[in-house]
C-alpha atoms as a PDB file:
ATOM      1  CA  MET A   1     -17.586 -14.152 -54.572  1.00  0.00           C
ATOM      2  CA  LYS A   2     -16.247 -12.389 -58.205  1.00  0.00           C
ATOM      3  CA  ARG A   3     -13.718  -9.537 -56.677  1.00  0.00           C
ATOM      4  CA  LEU A   4     -11.869  -9.160 -53.469  1.00  0.00           C
ATOM      5  CA  GLY A   5     -10.118  -5.769 -52.181  1.00  0.00           C
ATOM      6  CA  ILE A   6      -6.309  -6.491 -51.096  1.00  0.00           C
ATOM      7  CA  ILE A   7      -5.005  -4.829 -47.924  1.00  0.00           C
ATOM      8  CA  ALA A   8      -0.996  -5.977 -47.352  1.00  0.00           C
ATOM      9  CA  ASN A   9       0.715  -4.605 -44.054  1.00  0.00           C
ATOM     10  CA  THR A  10       3.070  -4.107 -46.294  1.00  0.00           C
ATOM     11  CA  SER A  11       6.775  -4.046 -43.958  1.00  0.00           C
ATOM     12  CA  LYS A  12       6.054  -7.601 -43.643  1.00  0.00           C
ATOM     13  CA  GLY A  13       9.002  -9.364 -45.430  1.00  0.00           C
ATOM     14  CA  ARG A  14       6.719 -11.916 -46.176  1.00  0.00           C
ATOM     15  CA  ALA A  15       3.942  -9.719 -48.432  1.00  0.00           C
ATOM     16  CA  PRO A  16       5.958  -9.935 -51.197  1.00  0.00           C
ATOM     17  CA  ASP A  17       5.599 -13.436 -51.644  1.00  0.00           C
ATOM     18  CA  ILE A  18       2.097 -14.241 -50.022  1.00  0.00           C
ATOM     19  CA  LEU A  19       0.268 -11.417 -52.372  1.00  0.00           C
ATOM     20  CA  ARG A  20       2.350 -13.898 -55.645  1.00  0.00           C
ATOM     21  CA  ARG A  21       0.197 -16.771 -54.488  1.00  0.00           C
ATOM     22  CA  ILE A  22      -2.619 -14.665 -54.292  1.00  0.00           C
ATOM     23  CA  VAL A  23      -2.774 -13.304 -57.746  1.00  0.00           C
ATOM     24  CA  ALA A  24      -1.298 -16.989 -59.493  1.00  0.00           C
ATOM     25  CA  ARG A  25      -4.159 -18.926 -57.271  1.00  0.00           C
ATOM     26  CA  ALA A  26      -6.924 -15.948 -58.248  1.00  0.00           C
ATOM     27  CA  LYS A  27      -5.923 -16.279 -61.461  1.00  0.00           C
ATOM     28  CA  THR A  28      -6.662 -19.571 -61.770  1.00  0.00           C
ATOM     29  CA  LEU A  29     -10.789 -19.585 -60.264  1.00  0.00           C
ATOM     30  CA  GLY A  30     -11.508 -16.721 -62.686  1.00  0.00           C
ATOM     31  CA  LEU A  31     -10.749 -13.759 -59.265  1.00  0.00           C
ATOM     32  CA  ASP A  32     -10.403 -10.435 -60.802  1.00  0.00           C
ATOM     33  CA  LEU A  33      -8.262  -8.440 -56.994  1.00  0.00           C
ATOM     34  CA  CYS A  34      -7.683  -5.175 -56.766  1.00  0.00           C
ATOM     35  CA  ALA A  35      -5.254  -3.203 -53.400  1.00  0.00           C
ATOM     36  CA  ASP A  36      -4.454   0.395 -52.430  1.00  0.00           C
ATOM     37  CA  ALA A  37      -0.910   1.241 -54.462  1.00  0.00           C
ATOM     38  CA  ALA A  38       0.695   0.133 -51.615  1.00  0.00           C
ATOM     39  CA  SER A  39      -0.233  -3.263 -51.407  1.00  0.00           C
ATOM     40  CA  ALA A  40      -0.064  -4.113 -55.321  1.00  0.00           C
ATOM     41  CA  ALA A  41       3.730  -2.285 -55.866  1.00  0.00           C
ATOM     42  CA  LEU A  42       4.837  -5.346 -54.174  1.00  0.00           C
ATOM     43  CA  THR A  43       3.925  -7.499 -57.231  1.00  0.00           C
ATOM     44  CA  THR A  44       2.405  -8.050 -60.688  1.00  0.00           C
ATOM     45  CA  GLY A  45      -1.629  -8.448 -61.904  1.00  0.00           C
ATOM     46  CA  LEU A  46      -2.856  -6.521 -58.405  1.00  0.00           C
ATOM     47  CA  ARG A  47      -4.571  -3.532 -60.081  1.00  0.00           C
ATOM     48  CA  ALA A  48      -4.269  -0.365 -57.307  1.00  0.00           C
ATOM     49  CA  VAL A  49      -7.121   1.502 -57.087  1.00  0.00           C
ATOM     50  CA  PRO A  50      -7.506   5.578 -55.501  1.00  0.00           C
ATOM     51  CA  PRO A  51      -8.036   5.630 -51.928  1.00  0.00           C
ATOM     52  CA  ALA A  52     -11.681   6.407 -51.888  1.00  0.00           C
ATOM     53  CA  THR A  53     -12.855   3.822 -54.209  1.00  0.00           C
ATOM     54  CA  ALA A  54     -10.869   0.615 -53.399  1.00  0.00           C
ATOM     55  CA  LEU A  55     -12.931  -1.158 -51.420  1.00  0.00           C
ATOM     56  CA  ASP A  56     -15.828   0.212 -54.137  1.00  0.00           C
ATOM     57  CA  GLY A  57     -17.788  -2.563 -55.784  1.00  0.00           C
ATOM     58  CA  VAL A  58     -15.737  -5.435 -54.160  1.00  0.00           C
ATOM     59  CA  ASP A  59     -17.418  -8.530 -53.081  1.00  0.00           C
ATOM     60  CA  ALA A  60     -15.378  -9.836 -50.252  1.00  0.00           C
ATOM     61  CA  VAL A  61     -11.528  -7.974 -47.932  1.00  0.00           C
ATOM     62  CA  MET A  62      -8.901  -9.916 -47.027  1.00  0.00           C
ATOM     63  CA  ALA A  63      -6.337  -8.357 -45.432  1.00  0.00           C
ATOM     64  CA  VAL A  64      -3.230  -9.812 -45.679  1.00  0.00           C
ATOM     65  CA  GLY A  65      -0.673  -9.480 -42.244  1.00  0.00           C
ATOM     66  CA  GLY A  66      -1.856  -9.223 -38.471  1.00  0.00           C
ATOM     67  CA  ASP A  67      -4.658  -8.405 -36.466  1.00  0.00           C
ATOM     68  CA  GLY A  68      -3.457  -4.270 -37.149  1.00  0.00           C
ATOM     69  CA  THR A  69      -4.178  -5.473 -40.465  1.00  0.00           C
ATOM     70  CA  MET A  70      -7.427  -6.098 -40.127  1.00  0.00           C
ATOM     71  CA  LEU A  71      -8.225  -3.379 -37.843  1.00  0.00           C
ATOM     72  CA  ARG A  72      -7.152  -1.583 -40.757  1.00  0.00           C
ATOM     73  CA  ALA A  73      -8.468  -3.133 -43.258  1.00  0.00           C
ATOM     74  CA  PHE A  74     -12.151  -2.799 -40.854  1.00  0.00           C
ATOM     75  CA  ARG A  75     -11.537   1.639 -40.760  1.00  0.00           C
ATOM     76  CA  ALA A  76     -11.189   1.331 -44.317  1.00  0.00           C
ATOM     77  CA  LEU A  77     -14.215  -0.288 -45.003  1.00  0.00           C
ATOM     78  CA  GLY A  78     -16.109   2.438 -42.972  1.00  0.00           C
ATOM     79  CA  ALA A  79     -19.649   1.849 -43.377  1.00  0.00           C
ATOM     80  CA  ARG A  80     -19.801  -0.918 -45.971  1.00  0.00           C
ATOM     81  CA  ASP A  81     -21.343  -3.990 -45.498  1.00  0.00           C
ATOM     82  CA  ILE A  82     -17.768  -6.217 -46.280  1.00  0.00           C
ATOM     83  CA  PRO A  83     -17.318  -9.309 -44.796  1.00  0.00           C
ATOM     84  CA  LEU A  84     -13.221  -9.232 -44.494  1.00  0.00           C
ATOM     85  CA  VAL A  85     -11.132 -12.328 -44.146  1.00  0.00           C
ATOM     86  CA  GLY A  86      -7.886 -12.175 -42.737  1.00  0.00           C
ATOM     87  CA  VAL A  87      -4.107 -13.468 -43.258  1.00  0.00           C
ATOM     88  CA  ASN A  88      -2.094 -14.223 -40.722  1.00  0.00           C
ATOM     89  CA  ILE A  89       1.351 -13.741 -40.992  1.00  0.00           C
ATOM     90  CA  GLY A  90       1.940 -11.795 -38.097  1.00  0.00           C
ATOM     91  CA  GLY A  91       1.853 -12.982 -34.455  1.00  0.00           C
ATOM     92  CA  LEU A  92      -1.493 -14.297 -32.144  1.00  0.00           C
ATOM     93  CA  GLY A  93      -3.960 -13.535 -34.360  1.00  0.00           C
ATOM     94  CA  PHE A  94      -6.671 -13.517 -33.105  1.00  0.00           C
ATOM     95  CA  LEU A  95      -8.911 -11.775 -36.310  1.00  0.00           C
ATOM     96  CA  THR A  96      -7.042 -13.658 -38.548  1.00  0.00           C
ATOM     97  CA  SER A  97      -8.359 -17.379 -39.346  1.00  0.00           C
ATOM     98  CA  VAL A  98      -6.431 -18.104 -42.315  1.00  0.00           C
ATOM     99  CA  ALA A  99      -2.203 -19.106 -42.054  1.00  0.00           C
ATOM    100  CA  ASP A 100      -0.510 -18.408 -44.652  1.00  0.00           C
ATOM    101  CA  GLY A 101      -1.365 -22.630 -44.984  1.00  0.00           C
ATOM    102  CA  ASP A 102      -4.254 -22.653 -45.672  1.00  0.00           C
ATOM    103  CA  LEU A 103      -4.233 -18.809 -48.391  1.00  0.00           C
ATOM    104  CA  GLU A 104      -4.891 -21.064 -51.618  1.00  0.00           C
ATOM    105  CA  ARG A 105      -8.083 -23.307 -50.348  1.00  0.00           C
ATOM    106  CA  ALA A 106      -8.781 -20.031 -48.833  1.00  0.00           C
ATOM    107  CA  LEU A 107      -9.265 -18.466 -52.129  1.00  0.00           C
ATOM    108  CA  GLU A 108     -10.870 -21.535 -53.953  1.00  0.00           C
ATOM    109  CA  CYS A 109     -13.615 -20.979 -50.925  1.00  0.00           C
ATOM    110  CA  LEU A 110     -14.304 -17.538 -51.431  1.00  0.00           C
ATOM    111  CA  ALA A 111     -14.505 -18.545 -55.406  1.00  0.00           C
ATOM    112  CA  ARG A 112     -17.089 -21.162 -54.852  1.00  0.00           C
ATOM    113  CA  ASP A 113     -19.295 -19.541 -51.385  1.00  0.00           C
ATOM    114  CA  GLU A 114     -17.578 -22.403 -49.264  1.00  0.00           C
ATOM    115  CA  VAL A 115     -16.907 -19.814 -46.436  1.00  0.00           C
ATOM    116  CA  VAL A 116     -18.607 -19.412 -42.805  1.00  0.00           C
ATOM    117  CA  PHE A 117     -19.732 -15.486 -41.729  1.00  0.00           C
ATOM    118  CA  SER A 118     -19.131 -14.732 -37.932  1.00  0.00           C
ATOM    119  CA  ARG A 119     -20.698 -10.840 -37.605  1.00  0.00           C
ATOM    120  CA  ARG A 120     -19.241  -9.277 -35.177  1.00  0.00           C
ATOM    121  CA  SER A 121     -20.649  -6.347 -33.110  1.00  0.00           C
ATOM    122  CA  VAL A 122     -19.089  -2.645 -33.156  1.00  0.00           C
ATOM    123  CA  ALA A 123     -18.338  -0.167 -30.085  1.00  0.00           C
ATOM    124  CA  GLU A 124     -19.470   3.393 -30.935  1.00  0.00           C
ATOM    125  CA  CYS A 125     -17.493   6.649 -28.959  1.00  0.00           C
ATOM    126  CA  VAL A 126     -18.580   9.146 -28.805  1.00  0.00           C
ATOM    127  CA  VAL A 127     -17.122  12.404 -27.179  1.00  0.00           C
ATOM    128  CA  ARG A 128     -19.625  15.001 -25.657  1.00  0.00           C
ATOM    129  CA  ARG A 129     -18.413  18.309 -24.428  1.00  0.00           C
ATOM    130  CA  ASP A 130     -21.186  20.335 -23.011  1.00  0.00           C
ATOM    131  CA  GLY A 131     -24.176  18.478 -25.241  1.00  0.00           C
ATOM    132  CA  LYS A 132     -21.277  19.678 -28.573  1.00  0.00           C
ATOM    133  CA  GLU A 133     -20.161  16.330 -30.551  1.00  0.00           C
ATOM    134  CA  THR A 134     -16.201  17.003 -29.742  1.00  0.00           C
ATOM    135  CA  GLY A 135     -14.701  13.540 -31.810  1.00  0.00           C
ATOM    136  CA  ARG A 136     -16.922  10.066 -32.913  1.00  0.00           C
ATOM    137  CA  TYR A 137     -14.536   6.020 -33.721  1.00  0.00           C
ATOM    138  CA  ALA A 138     -15.978   2.738 -34.367  1.00  0.00           C
ATOM    139  CA  ALA A 139     -14.394   0.458 -32.044  1.00  0.00           C
ATOM    140  CA  LEU A 140     -14.254  -3.388 -33.549  1.00  0.00           C
ATOM    141  CA  ASN A 141     -11.386  -3.766 -30.482  1.00  0.00           C
ATOM    142  CA  ASP A 142     -11.875  -1.845 -27.584  1.00  0.00           C
ATOM    143  CA  VAL A 143     -11.940   2.008 -26.364  1.00  0.00           C
ATOM    144  CA  VAL A 144      -8.663   3.088 -23.830  1.00  0.00           C
ATOM    145  CA  VAL A 145      -9.407   5.941 -21.417  1.00  0.00           C
ATOM    146  CA  SER A 146      -5.988   6.498 -20.208  1.00  0.00           C
ATOM    147  CA  SER A 147      -2.827   9.037 -19.093  1.00  0.00           C
ATOM    148  CA  GLY A 148      -1.102   7.749 -22.061  1.00  0.00           C
ATOM    149  CA  ALA A 149       2.156   8.747 -21.950  1.00  0.00           C
ATOM    150  CA  SER A 150       1.841  10.444 -18.577  1.00  0.00           C
ATOM    151  CA  SER A 151       3.149   7.493 -15.487  1.00  0.00           C
ATOM    152  CA  ARG A 152       0.573   9.531 -12.926  1.00  0.00           C
ATOM    153  CA  VAL A 153      -2.550   8.025 -12.923  1.00  0.00           C
ATOM    154  CA  VAL A 154      -6.010   8.890 -12.994  1.00  0.00           C
ATOM    155  CA  MET A 155      -8.885   9.092 -11.701  1.00  0.00           C
ATOM    156  CA  LEU A 156     -12.500   7.883 -13.836  1.00  0.00           C
ATOM    157  CA  ASN A 157     -15.843   7.902 -13.195  1.00  0.00           C
ATOM    158  CA  VAL A 158     -17.669   6.001 -15.130  1.00  0.00           C
ATOM    159  CA  SER A 159     -21.592   5.428 -15.254  1.00  0.00           C
ATOM    160  CA  VAL A 160     -23.082   1.732 -16.901  1.00  0.00           C
ATOM    161  CA  GLY A 161     -26.334   2.988 -18.560  1.00  0.00           C
ATOM    162  CA  GLY A 162     -26.680   5.736 -16.548  1.00  0.00           C
ATOM    163  CA  ASP A 163     -25.798   5.244 -13.119  1.00  0.00           C
ATOM    164  CA  HIS A 164     -23.167   5.386 -11.595  1.00  0.00           C
ATOM    165  CA  MET A 165     -20.872   2.707 -11.396  1.00  0.00           C
ATOM    166  CA  ALA A 166     -17.896   3.657  -9.281  1.00  0.00           C
ATOM    167  CA  SER A 167     -14.985   5.835  -9.227  1.00  0.00           C
ATOM    168  CA  TYR A 168     -12.216   4.893  -9.996  1.00  0.00           C
ATOM    169  CA  LEU A 169      -7.538   5.670  -9.343  1.00  0.00           C
ATOM    170  CA  CYS A 170      -6.553   3.752 -11.739  1.00  0.00           C
ATOM    171  CA  ASP A 171      -3.451   4.174 -14.889  1.00  0.00           C
ATOM    172  CA  GLY A 172      -6.561   3.424 -17.685  1.00  0.00           C
ATOM    173  CA  LEU A 173      -9.729   1.738 -18.517  1.00  0.00           C
ATOM    174  CA  ILE A 174     -10.775  -0.680 -21.021  1.00  0.00           C
ATOM    175  CA  VAL A 175     -13.997  -1.192 -22.072  1.00  0.00           C
ATOM    176  CA  SER A 176     -13.798  -3.775 -25.306  1.00  0.00           C
ATOM    177  CA  THR A 177     -15.918  -5.703 -27.628  1.00  0.00           C
ATOM    178  CA  PRO A 178     -16.409  -9.519 -27.541  1.00  0.00           C
ATOM    179  CA  THR A 179     -13.886  -9.191 -30.249  1.00  0.00           C
ATOM    180  CA  GLY A 180     -11.481  -6.911 -28.237  1.00  0.00           C
ATOM    181  CA  SER A 181     -11.411  -9.319 -25.028  1.00  0.00           C
ATOM    182  CA  THR A 182      -8.408 -11.936 -26.399  1.00  0.00           C
ATOM    183  CA  GLY A 183      -6.137  -8.409 -26.563  1.00  0.00           C
ATOM    184  CA  HIS A 184      -5.949  -5.525 -24.705  1.00  0.00           C
ATOM    185  CA  ASN A 185      -8.512  -6.941 -21.578  1.00  0.00           C
ATOM    186  CA  LEU A 186      -7.216  -9.818 -21.760  1.00  0.00           C
ATOM    187  CA  ALA A 187      -4.335  -8.984 -20.557  1.00  0.00           C
ATOM    188  CA  ALA A 188      -5.472  -6.744 -17.841  1.00  0.00           C
ATOM    189  CA  GLY A 189      -7.300  -9.338 -16.170  1.00  0.00           C
ATOM    190  CA  GLY A 190     -10.097  -9.339 -17.893  1.00  0.00           C
ATOM    191  CA  PRO A 191     -12.358 -12.430 -19.015  1.00  0.00           C
ATOM    192  CA  ILE A 192     -12.604 -13.771 -22.534  1.00  0.00           C
ATOM    193  CA  LEU A 193     -16.171 -13.054 -24.385  1.00  0.00           C
ATOM    194  CA  VAL A 194     -17.158 -15.881 -27.046  1.00  0.00           C
ATOM    195  CA  PRO A 195     -18.222 -13.472 -29.853  1.00  0.00           C
ATOM    196  CA  GLU A 196     -21.440 -14.154 -30.103  1.00  0.00           C
ATOM    197  CA  ALA A 197     -21.446 -13.019 -26.722  1.00  0.00           C
ATOM    198  CA  ARG A 198     -23.568  -9.187 -26.696  1.00  0.00           C
ATOM    199  CA  THR A 199     -21.783  -8.092 -23.799  1.00  0.00           C
ATOM    200  CA  PHE A 200     -18.850  -5.924 -23.505  1.00  0.00           C
ATOM    201  CA  VAL A 201     -16.496  -5.375 -20.590  1.00  0.00           C
ATOM    202  CA  ILE A 202     -14.911  -3.303 -17.812  1.00  0.00           C
ATOM    203  CA  SER A 203     -12.029  -3.648 -16.550  1.00  0.00           C
ATOM    204  CA  LEU A 204      -9.121  -1.344 -15.249  1.00  0.00           C
ATOM    205  CA  ILE A 205      -5.306  -0.800 -15.861  1.00  0.00           C
ATOM    206  CA  CYS A 206      -3.121  -1.171 -12.285  1.00  0.00           C
ATOM    207  CA  PRO A 207      -6.278  -0.146 -10.305  1.00  0.00           C
ATOM    208  CA  HIS A 208      -4.875   0.997  -6.814  1.00  0.00           C
ATOM    209  CA  THR A 209      -7.486  -1.362  -4.900  1.00  0.00           C
ATOM    210  CA  LEU A 210      -7.740  -5.254  -4.412  1.00  0.00           C
ATOM    211  CA  SER A 211     -12.024  -4.823  -4.699  1.00  0.00           C
ATOM    212  CA  SER A 212     -11.724  -3.654  -7.951  1.00  0.00           C
ATOM    213  CA  ARG A 213     -12.744  -6.320 -10.936  1.00  0.00           C
ATOM    214  CA  PRO A 214     -13.770  -6.792 -14.118  1.00  0.00           C
ATOM    215  CA  LEU A 215     -16.962  -6.326 -15.388  1.00  0.00           C
ATOM    216  CA  VAL A 216     -19.331  -7.457 -18.217  1.00  0.00           C
ATOM    217  CA  VAL A 217     -22.227  -5.239 -18.901  1.00  0.00           C
ATOM    218  CA  PRO A 218     -24.889  -5.061 -22.014  1.00  0.00           C
ATOM    219  CA  ASP A 219     -23.747  -3.882 -25.428  1.00  0.00           C
ATOM    220  CA  SER A 220     -26.935  -1.975 -24.855  1.00  0.00           C
ATOM    221  CA  SER A 221     -26.372   0.135 -22.138  1.00  0.00           C
ATOM    222  CA  ASP A 222     -24.378   4.063 -22.423  1.00  0.00           C
ATOM    223  CA  ILE A 223     -21.146   3.823 -20.529  1.00  0.00           C
ATOM    224  CA  ALA A 224     -19.745   6.987 -19.055  1.00  0.00           C
ATOM    225  CA  ILE A 225     -16.327   7.825 -18.478  1.00  0.00           C
ATOM    226  CA  ARG A 226     -15.494  11.242 -17.857  1.00  0.00           C
ATOM    227  CA  ALA A 227     -12.350  13.200 -15.276  1.00  0.00           C
ATOM    228  CA  GLY A 228     -13.417  12.680 -11.502  1.00  0.00           C
ATOM    229  CA  ARG A 229     -10.112  15.104 -11.316  1.00  0.00           C
ATOM    230  CA  PRO A 230      -7.858  18.136 -13.371  1.00  0.00           C
ATOM    231  CA  SER A 231      -4.961  16.343 -14.527  1.00  0.00           C
ATOM    232  CA  GLU A 232      -2.631  18.732 -16.058  1.00  0.00           C
ATOM    233  CA  LYS A 233      -2.436  17.187 -19.515  1.00  0.00           C
ATOM    234  CA  GLY A 234      -5.427  15.260 -20.750  1.00  0.00           C
ATOM    235  CA  LEU A 235      -6.574  12.249 -20.857  1.00  0.00           C
ATOM    236  CA  SER A 236      -6.183   9.695 -23.709  1.00  0.00           C
ATOM    237  CA  LEU A 237      -8.422   8.107 -25.621  1.00  0.00           C
ATOM    238  CA  SER A 238      -7.133   5.665 -27.641  1.00  0.00           C
ATOM    239  CA  VAL A 239     -10.546   3.458 -30.057  1.00  0.00           C
ATOM    240  CA  ASP A 240      -8.004   0.270 -30.997  1.00  0.00           C
ATOM    241  CA  GLY A 241      -4.611   1.907 -30.627  1.00  0.00           C
ATOM    242  CA  GLN A 242      -4.809   3.507 -33.494  1.00  0.00           C
ATOM    243  CA  VAL A 243      -7.000   5.883 -33.355  1.00  0.00           C
ATOM    244  CA  GLY A 244      -8.193   9.060 -30.948  1.00  0.00           C
ATOM    245  CA  GLN A 245      -7.262  12.291 -29.557  1.00  0.00           C
ATOM    246  CA  ILE A 246      -6.725  14.172 -26.065  1.00  0.00           C
ATOM    247  CA  LEU A 247      -9.535  14.358 -23.762  1.00  0.00           C
ATOM    248  CA  ARG A 248     -10.329  17.783 -22.099  1.00  0.00           C
ATOM    249  CA  ASP A 249     -11.576  17.099 -18.542  1.00  0.00           C
ATOM    250  CA  ASP A 250     -14.672  18.804 -18.835  1.00  0.00           C
ATOM    251  CA  GLU A 251     -15.338  16.212 -22.245  1.00  0.00           C
ATOM    252  CA  VAL A 252     -16.847  12.733 -21.723  1.00  0.00           C
ATOM    253  CA  VAL A 253     -16.664   9.682 -23.660  1.00  0.00           C
ATOM    254  CA  HIS A 254     -19.571   7.766 -24.641  1.00  0.00           C
ATOM    255  CA  VAL A 255     -19.279   3.801 -25.823  1.00  0.00           C
ATOM    256  CA  HIS A 256     -22.423   1.493 -26.668  1.00  0.00           C
ATOM    257  CA  ALA A 257     -22.641  -0.631 -29.420  1.00  0.00           C
ATOM    258  CA  CYS A 258     -23.371   0.556 -32.658  1.00  0.00           C
ATOM    259  CA  GLN A 259     -26.547  -0.922 -35.181  1.00  0.00           C
ATOM    260  CA  THR A 260     -24.500  -2.049 -37.426  1.00  0.00           C
ATOM    261  CA  GLY A 261     -21.917  -4.061 -36.872  1.00  0.00           C
ATOM    262  CA  VAL A 262     -19.151  -6.338 -39.743  1.00  0.00           C
ATOM    263  CA  ARG A 263     -18.468  -9.589 -41.616  1.00  0.00           C
ATOM    264  CA  PHE A 264     -15.786 -11.642 -40.741  1.00  0.00           C
ATOM    265  CA  ILE A 265     -15.287 -14.141 -42.744  1.00  0.00           C
ATOM    266  CA  HIS A 266     -13.914 -18.703 -41.980  1.00  0.00           C
ATOM    267  CA  LEU A 267     -13.844 -21.134 -43.250  1.00  0.00           C
ATOM    268  CA  PRO A 268     -15.362 -24.213 -43.229  1.00  0.00           C
ATOM    269  CA  GLY A 269     -14.515 -26.181 -40.091  1.00  0.00           C
ATOM    270  CA  TYR A 270     -12.896 -23.425 -38.116  1.00  0.00           C
ATOM    271  CA  ASN A 271     -14.277 -23.091 -34.512  1.00  0.00           C
ATOM    272  CA  TYR A 272     -13.361 -20.740 -32.311  1.00  0.00           C
ATOM    273  CA  PHE A 273     -12.358 -22.735 -29.105  1.00  0.00           C
ATOM    274  CA  ALA A 274      -9.955 -24.226 -31.392  1.00  0.00           C
ATOM    275  CA  VAL A 275      -8.627 -20.519 -32.028  1.00  0.00           C
ATOM    276  CA  LEU A 276      -8.659 -19.070 -28.560  1.00  0.00           C
ATOM    277  CA  SER A 277      -6.276 -23.121 -27.556  1.00  0.00           C
ATOM    278  CA  GLN A 278      -3.891 -23.172 -30.200  1.00  0.00           C
ATOM    279  CA  LYS A 279      -3.108 -19.627 -29.252  1.00  0.00           C
ATOM    280  CA  LEU A 280      -3.273 -19.047 -25.765  1.00  0.00           C
ATOM    281  CA  GLY A 281      -1.896 -23.071 -25.488  1.00  0.00           C
ATOM    282  CA  TRP A 282      -4.939 -24.574 -23.805  1.00  0.00           C
ATOM    283  CA  LYS A 283      -3.810 -27.770 -21.944  1.00  0.00           C
ATOM    284  CA  GLY A 284      -6.556 -28.580 -20.431  1.00  0.00           C
ATOM    285  CA  SER A 285      -6.077 -31.618 -18.107  1.00  0.00           C
ATOM    286  CA  ASN A 286      -4.661 -35.273 -18.692  1.00  0.00           C
ATOM    287  CA  VAL A 287      -7.779 -37.351 -17.090  1.00  0.00           C
ATOM    288  CA  ARG A 288      -7.511 -41.428 -16.719  1.00  0.00           C
END
């Protein structure tokens, strides 16, 4: 890999120092760097490029920040098949696999092509009304249908593969990819899915019943969600917590797997279960 695109969370206080370290090590390795204008303004040696062409011709994209920055970088990729690597200077950082202490090693591995690729599935979310498309989104983490800012419960009708599954009275519903299963889904009591699983998980936000449980379904299924009763202000659709729209009562949200996914870059020796153990504080049992 010879050319890297940089996308940084410029609101992070440590971002300028991290970017300076990237520039310094990249120079010795002969790596060509380019970045969006906001990231390039934080240090010298980063070439700013226009947003429309920022990622054209790069071999990989390095997201400097946290999970939100990784999601923003994923959106910037569009349909490009360019791998992503995340440098964590945020909080938990489930999506970012490089700690700041491994930054120089990560650049060296990229320069030598000594990295491991993990292909992650992506959910396609299509909103339709009377057969016409009114919205289309790609979700790396999750699709959430809820009452939005309102505190009122909603009624949601859900079908899987054309078969009616259930009608739920709840605060909202989450359709999560394996990558996003450690996010909103986990907080709502849903299971963790390994990244390679070809499944989605449907989990509810504060269901008004004790019998509702998360459901794991094949990602080849079409999951359809619609309002079960009229709502005054409409439902809220949120995709990866970054994009979305207000839904009319007659609109239907369809979620299914994209034909193409996204590639994550990890350093040699990366272990997903070790990441879970470290991030979630798993202790296991003391057996003597």
